[in-house]
Amino acid sequence: MANAVINPNAKVGNGVIVNTAAVVEHDVEIGDFAHVSPNAAMGGASHLGMLSHLGIGAVVIQCVSIGAHTIIG
């Protein structure tokens, strides 16, 4: 989407949505069919599990793992 940033070495799974102005930093892994909402940010080397949802404006700090089927507001 517009103004989304996906930095080097990030791994984005199948069917993932990286929405408007979201930031996916270096070495992040996003599982299949996950959703990164507008203005959400994932710090370097963090992980978002499959079918998970990172809500609007949410921030995951570096090196933190969020499991599968999880909603973060």
PDB file of N, CA and C in Angstrom:
ATOM      1  N   MET A   1       0.839  -1.186   0.000  1.00  0.00           N
ATOM      2  CA  MET A   1       0.000   0.000   0.000  1.00  0.00           C
ATOM      3  C   MET A   1       0.888   1.257   0.000  1.00  0.00           C
ATOM      4  N   ALA A   2       0.254   2.402  -0.179  1.00  0.00           N
ATOM      5  CA  ALA A   2       0.977   3.670  -0.281  1.00  0.00           C
ATOM      6  C   ALA A   2       1.819   3.949   0.961  1.00  0.00           C
ATOM      7  N   ASN A   3       3.043   4.363   0.746  1.00  0.00           N
ATOM      8  CA  ASN A   3       3.992   4.748   1.789  1.00  0.00           C
ATOM      9  C   ASN A   3       4.391   3.630   2.727  1.00  0.00           C
ATOM     10  N   ALA A   4       4.079   2.399   2.420  1.00  0.00           N
ATOM     11  CA  ALA A   4       4.561   1.266   3.215  1.00  0.00           C
ATOM     12  C   ALA A   4       6.049   1.072   2.935  1.00  0.00           C
ATOM     13  N   VAL A   5       6.782   0.631   3.951  1.00  0.00           N
ATOM     14  CA  VAL A   5       8.216   0.401   3.813  1.00  0.00           C
ATOM     15  C   VAL A   5       8.520  -1.024   4.245  1.00  0.00           C
ATOM     16  N   ILE A   6       9.206  -1.769   3.379  1.00  0.00           N
ATOM     17  CA  ILE A   6       9.693  -3.097   3.724  1.00  0.00           C
ATOM     18  C   ILE A   6      11.195  -3.069   3.494  1.00  0.00           C
ATOM     19  N   ASN A   7      11.950  -3.179   4.572  1.00  0.00           N
ATOM     20  CA  ASN A   7      13.400  -3.027   4.503  1.00  0.00           C
ATOM     21  C   ASN A   7      14.114  -4.344   4.194  1.00  0.00           C
ATOM     22  N   PRO A   8      15.434  -4.272   3.919  1.00  0.00           N
ATOM     23  CA  PRO A   8      16.207  -5.435   3.478  1.00  0.00           C
ATOM     24  C   PRO A   8      16.106  -6.636   4.418  1.00  0.00           C
ATOM     25  N   ASN A   9      16.144  -7.806   3.798  1.00  0.00           N
ATOM     26  CA  ASN A   9      16.147  -9.099   4.470  1.00  0.00           C
ATOM     27  C   ASN A   9      14.858  -9.423   5.202  1.00  0.00           C
ATOM     28  N   ALA A  10      13.809  -8.643   5.013  1.00  0.00           N
ATOM     29  CA  ALA A  10      12.501  -8.976   5.586  1.00  0.00           C
ATOM     30  C   ALA A  10      11.903 -10.121   4.775  1.00  0.00           C
ATOM     31  N   LYS A  11      11.205 -11.019   5.456  1.00  0.00           N
ATOM     32  CA  LYS A  11      10.548 -12.152   4.797  1.00  0.00           C
ATOM     33  C   LYS A  11       9.046 -12.010   5.020  1.00  0.00           C
ATOM     34  N   VAL A  12       8.321 -11.834   3.928  1.00  0.00           N
ATOM     35  CA  VAL A  12       6.878 -11.613   3.982  1.00  0.00           C
ATOM     36  C   VAL A  12       6.199 -12.822   3.356  1.00  0.00           C
ATOM     37  N   GLY A  13       5.340 -13.484   4.131  1.00  0.00           N
ATOM     38  CA  GLY A  13       4.693 -14.704   3.682  1.00  0.00           C
ATOM     39  C   GLY A  13       3.627 -14.474   2.620  1.00  0.00           C
ATOM     40  N   ASN A  14       3.013 -15.549   2.192  1.00  0.00           N
ATOM     41  CA  ASN A  14       1.947 -15.516   1.185  1.00  0.00           C
ATOM     42  C   ASN A  14       0.698 -14.850   1.747  1.00  0.00           C
ATOM     43  N   GLY A  15       0.061 -14.028   0.929  1.00  0.00           N
ATOM     44  CA  GLY A  15      -1.208 -13.420   1.292  1.00  0.00           C
ATOM     45  C   GLY A  15      -1.135 -12.375   2.388  1.00  0.00           C
ATOM     46  N   VAL A  16       0.041 -11.875   2.699  1.00  0.00           N
ATOM     47  CA  VAL A  16       0.214 -10.870   3.752  1.00  0.00           C
ATOM     48  C   VAL A  16      -0.248  -9.503   3.257  1.00  0.00           C
ATOM     49  N   ILE A  17      -0.867  -8.728   4.148  1.00  0.00           N
ATOM     50  CA  ILE A  17      -1.233  -7.340   3.857  1.00  0.00           C
ATOM     51  C   ILE A  17      -0.307  -6.440   4.662  1.00  0.00           C
ATOM     52  N   VAL A  18       0.434  -5.581   3.975  1.00  0.00           N
ATOM     53  CA  VAL A  18       1.224  -4.531   4.611  1.00  0.00           C
ATOM     54  C   VAL A  18       0.550  -3.239   4.192  1.00  0.00           C
ATOM     55  N   ASN A  19      -0.188  -2.637   5.112  1.00  0.00           N
ATOM     56  CA  ASN A  19      -1.086  -1.551   4.780  1.00  0.00           C
ATOM     57  C   ASN A  19      -0.390  -0.186   4.744  1.00  0.00           C
ATOM     58  N   THR A  20      -1.159   0.846   4.466  1.00  0.00           N
ATOM     59  CA  THR A  20      -0.673   2.206   4.264  1.00  0.00           C
ATOM     60  C   THR A  20       0.238   2.679   5.396  1.00  0.00           C
ATOM     61  N   ALA A  21       1.420   3.154   5.038  1.00  0.00           N
ATOM     62  CA  ALA A  21       2.401   3.753   5.949  1.00  0.00           C
ATOM     63  C   ALA A  21       2.914   2.796   7.015  1.00  0.00           C
ATOM     64  N   ALA A  22       2.740   1.496   6.824  1.00  0.00           N
ATOM     65  CA  ALA A  22       3.305   0.520   7.763  1.00  0.00           C
ATOM     66  C   ALA A  22       4.809   0.403   7.511  1.00  0.00           C
ATOM     67  N   VAL A  23       5.556   0.058   8.575  1.00  0.00           N
ATOM     68  CA  VAL A  23       7.008  -0.095   8.463  1.00  0.00           C
ATOM     69  C   VAL A  23       7.383  -1.505   8.918  1.00  0.00           C
ATOM     70  N   VAL A  24       8.064  -2.219   8.031  1.00  0.00           N
ATOM     71  CA  VAL A  24       8.577  -3.552   8.324  1.00  0.00           C
ATOM     72  C   VAL A  24      10.092  -3.432   8.233  1.00  0.00           C
ATOM     73  N   GLU A  25      10.766  -3.472   9.370  1.00  0.00           N
ATOM     74  CA  GLU A  25      12.207  -3.236   9.402  1.00  0.00           C
ATOM     75  C   GLU A  25      13.011  -4.460   8.951  1.00  0.00           C
ATOM     76  N   HIS A  26      14.319  -4.310   8.975  1.00  0.00           N
ATOM     77  CA  HIS A  26      15.252  -5.346   8.526  1.00  0.00           C
ATOM     78  C   HIS A  26      15.065  -6.651   9.306  1.00  0.00           C
ATOM     79  N   ASP A  27      15.212  -7.757   8.612  1.00  0.00           N
ATOM     80  CA  ASP A  27      15.216  -9.099   9.197  1.00  0.00           C
ATOM     81  C   ASP A  27      13.917  -9.496   9.904  1.00  0.00           C
ATOM     82  N   VAL A  28      12.824  -8.810   9.607  1.00  0.00           N
ATOM     83  CA  VAL A  28      11.512  -9.167  10.153  1.00  0.00           C
ATOM     84  C   VAL A  28      10.968 -10.360   9.382  1.00  0.00           C
ATOM     85  N   GLU A  29      10.209 -11.219  10.070  1.00  0.00           N
ATOM     86  CA  GLU A  29       9.519 -12.324   9.420  1.00  0.00           C
ATOM     87  C   GLU A  29       8.029 -12.199   9.701  1.00  0.00           C
ATOM     88  N   ILE A  30       7.234 -12.208   8.623  1.00  0.00           N
ATOM     89  CA  ILE A  30       5.781 -12.133   8.747  1.00  0.00           C
ATOM     90  C   ILE A  30       5.202 -13.410   8.147  1.00  0.00           C
ATOM     91  N   GLY A  31       4.423 -14.128   8.954  1.00  0.00           N
ATOM     92  CA  GLY A  31       3.848 -15.396   8.529  1.00  0.00           C
ATOM     93  C   GLY A  31       2.724 -15.216   7.520  1.00  0.00           C
ATOM     94  N   ASP A  32       2.359 -16.296   6.872  1.00  0.00           N
ATOM     95  CA  ASP A  32       1.326 -16.294   5.841  1.00  0.00           C
ATOM     96  C   ASP A  32       0.008 -15.707   6.348  1.00  0.00           C
ATOM     97  N   PHE A  33      -0.609 -14.902   5.512  1.00  0.00           N
ATOM     98  CA  PHE A  33      -1.937 -14.319   5.714  1.00  0.00           C
ATOM     99  C   PHE A  33      -2.054 -13.423   6.952  1.00  0.00           C
ATOM    100  N   ALA A  34      -0.933 -12.896   7.416  1.00  0.00           N
ATOM    101  CA  ALA A  34      -0.942 -11.919   8.514  1.00  0.00           C
ATOM    102  C   ALA A  34      -1.283 -10.540   7.946  1.00  0.00           C
ATOM    103  N   HIS A  35      -1.624  -9.610   8.836  1.00  0.00           N
ATOM    104  CA  HIS A  35      -2.017  -8.262   8.427  1.00  0.00           C
ATOM    105  C   HIS A  35      -1.298  -7.242   9.303  1.00  0.00           C
ATOM    106  N   VAL A  36      -0.567  -6.339   8.663  1.00  0.00           N
ATOM    107  CA  VAL A  36       0.085  -5.217   9.344  1.00  0.00           C
ATOM    108  C   VAL A  36      -0.710  -3.974   8.961  1.00  0.00           C
ATOM    109  N   SER A  37      -1.428  -3.405   9.929  1.00  0.00           N
ATOM    110  CA  SER A  37      -2.367  -2.307   9.687  1.00  0.00           C
ATOM    111  C   SER A  37      -1.669  -0.980   9.408  1.00  0.00           C
ATOM    112  N   PRO A  38      -2.445   0.035   8.985  1.00  0.00           N
ATOM    113  CA  PRO A  38      -1.863   1.351   8.722  1.00  0.00           C
ATOM    114  C   PRO A  38      -1.087   1.903   9.919  1.00  0.00           C
ATOM    115  N   ASN A  39       0.061   2.480   9.625  1.00  0.00           N
ATOM    116  CA  ASN A  39       0.939   3.124  10.608  1.00  0.00           C
ATOM    117  C   ASN A  39       1.490   2.190  11.666  1.00  0.00           C
ATOM    118  N   ALA A  40       1.366   0.885  11.496  1.00  0.00           N
ATOM    119  CA  ALA A  40       1.983  -0.064  12.425  1.00  0.00           C
ATOM    120  C   ALA A  40       3.457  -0.194  12.066  1.00  0.00           C
ATOM    121  N   ALA A  41       4.266  -0.592  13.053  1.00  0.00           N
ATOM    122  CA  ALA A  41       5.708  -0.731  12.810  1.00  0.00           C
ATOM    123  C   ALA A  41       6.232  -1.987  13.490  1.00  0.00           C
ATOM    124  N   MET A  42       7.120  -2.672  12.788  1.00  0.00           N
ATOM    125  CA  MET A  42       7.785  -3.846  13.337  1.00  0.00           C
ATOM    126  C   MET A  42       9.286  -3.583  13.360  1.00  0.00           C
ATOM    127  N   GLY A  43       9.870  -3.631  14.562  1.00  0.00           N
ATOM    128  CA  GLY A  43      11.302  -3.389  14.720  1.00  0.00           C
ATOM    129  C   GLY A  43      12.132  -4.526  14.154  1.00  0.00           C
ATOM    130  N   GLY A  44      13.393  -4.272  13.954  1.00  0.00           N
ATOM    131  CA  GLY A  44      14.305  -5.242  13.354  1.00  0.00           C
ATOM    132  C   GLY A  44      14.292  -6.589  14.052  1.00  0.00           C
ATOM    133  N   ALA A  45      14.307  -7.644  13.249  1.00  0.00           N
ATOM    134  CA  ALA A  45      14.388  -9.031  13.692  1.00  0.00           C
ATOM    135  C   ALA A  45      13.175  -9.478  14.521  1.00  0.00           C
ATOM    136  N   SER A  46      12.046  -8.777  14.407  1.00  0.00           N
ATOM    137  CA  SER A  46      10.832  -9.226  15.090  1.00  0.00           C
ATOM    138  C   SER A  46      10.087 -10.212  14.191  1.00  0.00           C
ATOM    139  N   HIS A  47       9.061 -10.850  14.748  1.00  0.00           N
ATOM    140  CA  HIS A  47       8.334 -11.886  14.019  1.00  0.00           C
ATOM    141  C   HIS A  47       6.844 -11.760  14.292  1.00  0.00           C
ATOM    142  N   LEU A  48       6.030 -11.847  13.245  1.00  0.00           N
ATOM    143  CA  LEU A  48       4.576 -11.851  13.364  1.00  0.00           C
ATOM    144  C   LEU A  48       4.088 -13.164  12.765  1.00  0.00           C
ATOM    145  N   GLY A  49       3.435 -13.976  13.595  1.00  0.00           N
ATOM    146  CA  GLY A  49       3.013 -15.311  13.174  1.00  0.00           C
ATOM    147  C   GLY A  49       1.897 -15.310  12.145  1.00  0.00           C
ATOM    148  N   MET A  50       1.695 -16.466  11.536  1.00  0.00           N
ATOM    149  CA  MET A  50       0.673 -16.614  10.507  1.00  0.00           C
ATOM    150  C   MET A  50      -0.717 -16.305  11.056  1.00  0.00           C
ATOM    151  N   LEU A  51      -1.540 -15.706  10.193  1.00  0.00           N
ATOM    152  CA  LEU A  51      -2.921 -15.342  10.505  1.00  0.00           C
ATOM    153  C   LEU A  51      -3.046 -14.388  11.692  1.00  0.00           C
ATOM    154  N   SER A  52      -1.984 -13.642  11.996  1.00  0.00           N
ATOM    155  CA  SER A  52      -2.023 -12.656  13.074  1.00  0.00           C
ATOM    156  C   SER A  52      -2.314 -11.271  12.518  1.00  0.00           C
ATOM    157  N   HIS A  53      -2.708 -10.367  13.409  1.00  0.00           N
ATOM    158  CA  HIS A  53      -3.094  -9.016  12.995  1.00  0.00           C
ATOM    159  C   HIS A  53      -2.441  -8.009  13.932  1.00  0.00           C
ATOM    160  N   LEU A  54      -1.645  -7.121  13.347  1.00  0.00           N
ATOM    161  CA  LEU A  54      -1.027  -6.023  14.082  1.00  0.00           C
ATOM    162  C   LEU A  54      -1.870  -4.790  13.812  1.00  0.00           C
ATOM    163  N   GLY A  55      -2.560  -4.273  14.843  1.00  0.00           N
ATOM    164  CA  GLY A  55      -3.544  -3.211  14.686  1.00  0.00           C
ATOM    165  C   GLY A  55      -2.975  -1.861  14.315  1.00  0.00           C
ATOM    166  N   ILE A  56      -3.876  -0.928  14.025  1.00  0.00           N
ATOM    167  CA  ILE A  56      -3.509   0.420  13.586  1.00  0.00           C
ATOM    168  C   ILE A  56      -2.597   1.092  14.611  1.00  0.00           C
ATOM    169  N   GLY A  57      -1.429   1.532  14.158  1.00  0.00           N
ATOM    170  CA  GLY A  57      -0.490   2.259  14.990  1.00  0.00           C
ATOM    171  C   GLY A  57       0.265   1.415  16.006  1.00  0.00           C
ATOM    172  N   ALA A  58       0.053   0.115  16.020  1.00  0.00           N
ATOM    173  CA  ALA A  58       0.757  -0.748  16.981  1.00  0.00           C
ATOM    174  C   ALA A  58       2.239  -0.833  16.631  1.00  0.00           C
ATOM    175  N   VAL A  59       3.059  -1.059  17.649  1.00  0.00           N
ATOM    176  CA  VAL A  59       4.502  -1.155  17.456  1.00  0.00           C
ATOM    177  C   VAL A  59       5.014  -2.421  18.134  1.00  0.00           C
ATOM    178  N   VAL A  60       5.802  -3.196  17.398  1.00  0.00           N
ATOM    179  CA  VAL A  60       6.480  -4.364  17.954  1.00  0.00           C
ATOM    180  C   VAL A  60       7.958  -4.005  18.010  1.00  0.00           C
ATOM    181  N   ILE A  61       8.532  -3.999  19.221  1.00  0.00           N
ATOM    182  CA  ILE A  61       9.943  -3.631  19.333  1.00  0.00           C
ATOM    183  C   ILE A  61      10.833  -4.741  18.779  1.00  0.00           C
ATOM    184  N   GLN A  62      12.092  -4.408  18.538  1.00  0.00           N
ATOM    185  CA  GLN A  62      13.019  -5.326  17.901  1.00  0.00           C
ATOM    186  C   GLN A  62      13.145  -6.633  18.683  1.00  0.00           C
ATOM    187  N   CYS A  63      13.326  -7.705  17.937  1.00  0.00           N
ATOM    188  CA  CYS A  63      13.590  -9.052  18.451  1.00  0.00           C
ATOM    189  C   CYS A  63      12.441  -9.672  19.236  1.00  0.00           C
ATOM    190  N   VAL A  64      11.228  -9.155  19.130  1.00  0.00           N
ATOM    191  CA  VAL A  64      10.064  -9.720  19.808  1.00  0.00           C
ATOM    192  C   VAL A  64       9.290 -10.588  18.825  1.00  0.00           C
ATOM    193  N   SER A  65       8.818 -11.743  19.297  1.00  0.00           N
ATOM    194  CA  SER A  65       8.035 -12.652  18.456  1.00  0.00           C
ATOM    195  C   SER A  65       6.583 -12.670  18.906  1.00  0.00           C
ATOM    196  N   ILE A  66       5.679 -12.501  17.957  1.00  0.00           N
ATOM    197  CA  ILE A  66       4.246 -12.601  18.182  1.00  0.00           C
ATOM    198  C   ILE A  66       3.795 -13.903  17.530  1.00  0.00           C
ATOM    199  N   GLY A  67       3.098 -14.742  18.273  1.00  0.00           N
ATOM    200  CA  GLY A  67       2.697 -16.053  17.775  1.00  0.00           C
ATOM    201  C   GLY A  67       1.600 -16.010  16.726  1.00  0.00           C
ATOM    202  N   ALA A  68       1.256 -17.190  16.223  1.00  0.00           N
ATOM    203  CA  ALA A  68       0.210 -17.346  15.214  1.00  0.00           C
ATOM    204  C   ALA A  68      -1.169 -17.078  15.819  1.00  0.00           C
ATOM    205  N   HIS A  69      -2.094 -16.639  14.983  1.00  0.00           N
ATOM    206  CA  HIS A  69      -3.503 -16.420  15.372  1.00  0.00           C
ATOM    207  C   HIS A  69      -3.634 -15.418  16.524  1.00  0.00           C
ATOM    208  N   THR A  70      -2.853 -14.348  16.494  1.00  0.00           N
ATOM    209  CA  THR A  70      -2.820 -13.355  17.569  1.00  0.00           C
ATOM    210  C   THR A  70      -3.241 -11.998  17.050  1.00  0.00           C
ATOM    211  N   ILE A  71      -3.952 -11.239  17.883  1.00  0.00           N
ATOM    212  CA  ILE A  71      -4.331  -9.872  17.541  1.00  0.00           C
ATOM    213  C   ILE A  71      -3.642  -8.937  18.528  1.00  0.00           C
ATOM    214  N   ILE A  72      -2.917  -7.961  17.993  1.00  0.00           N
ATOM    215  CA  ILE A  72      -2.246  -6.940  18.799  1.00  0.00           C
ATOM    216  C   ILE A  72      -2.898  -5.606  18.479  1.00  0.00           C
ATOM    217  N   GLY A  73      -3.435  -4.936  19.492  1.00  0.00           N
ATOM    218  CA  GLY A  73      -4.135  -3.663  19.276  1.00  0.00           C
ATOM    219  C   GLY A  73      -3.209  -2.483  19.362  1.00  0.00           C
TER     220      GLY A  73
END
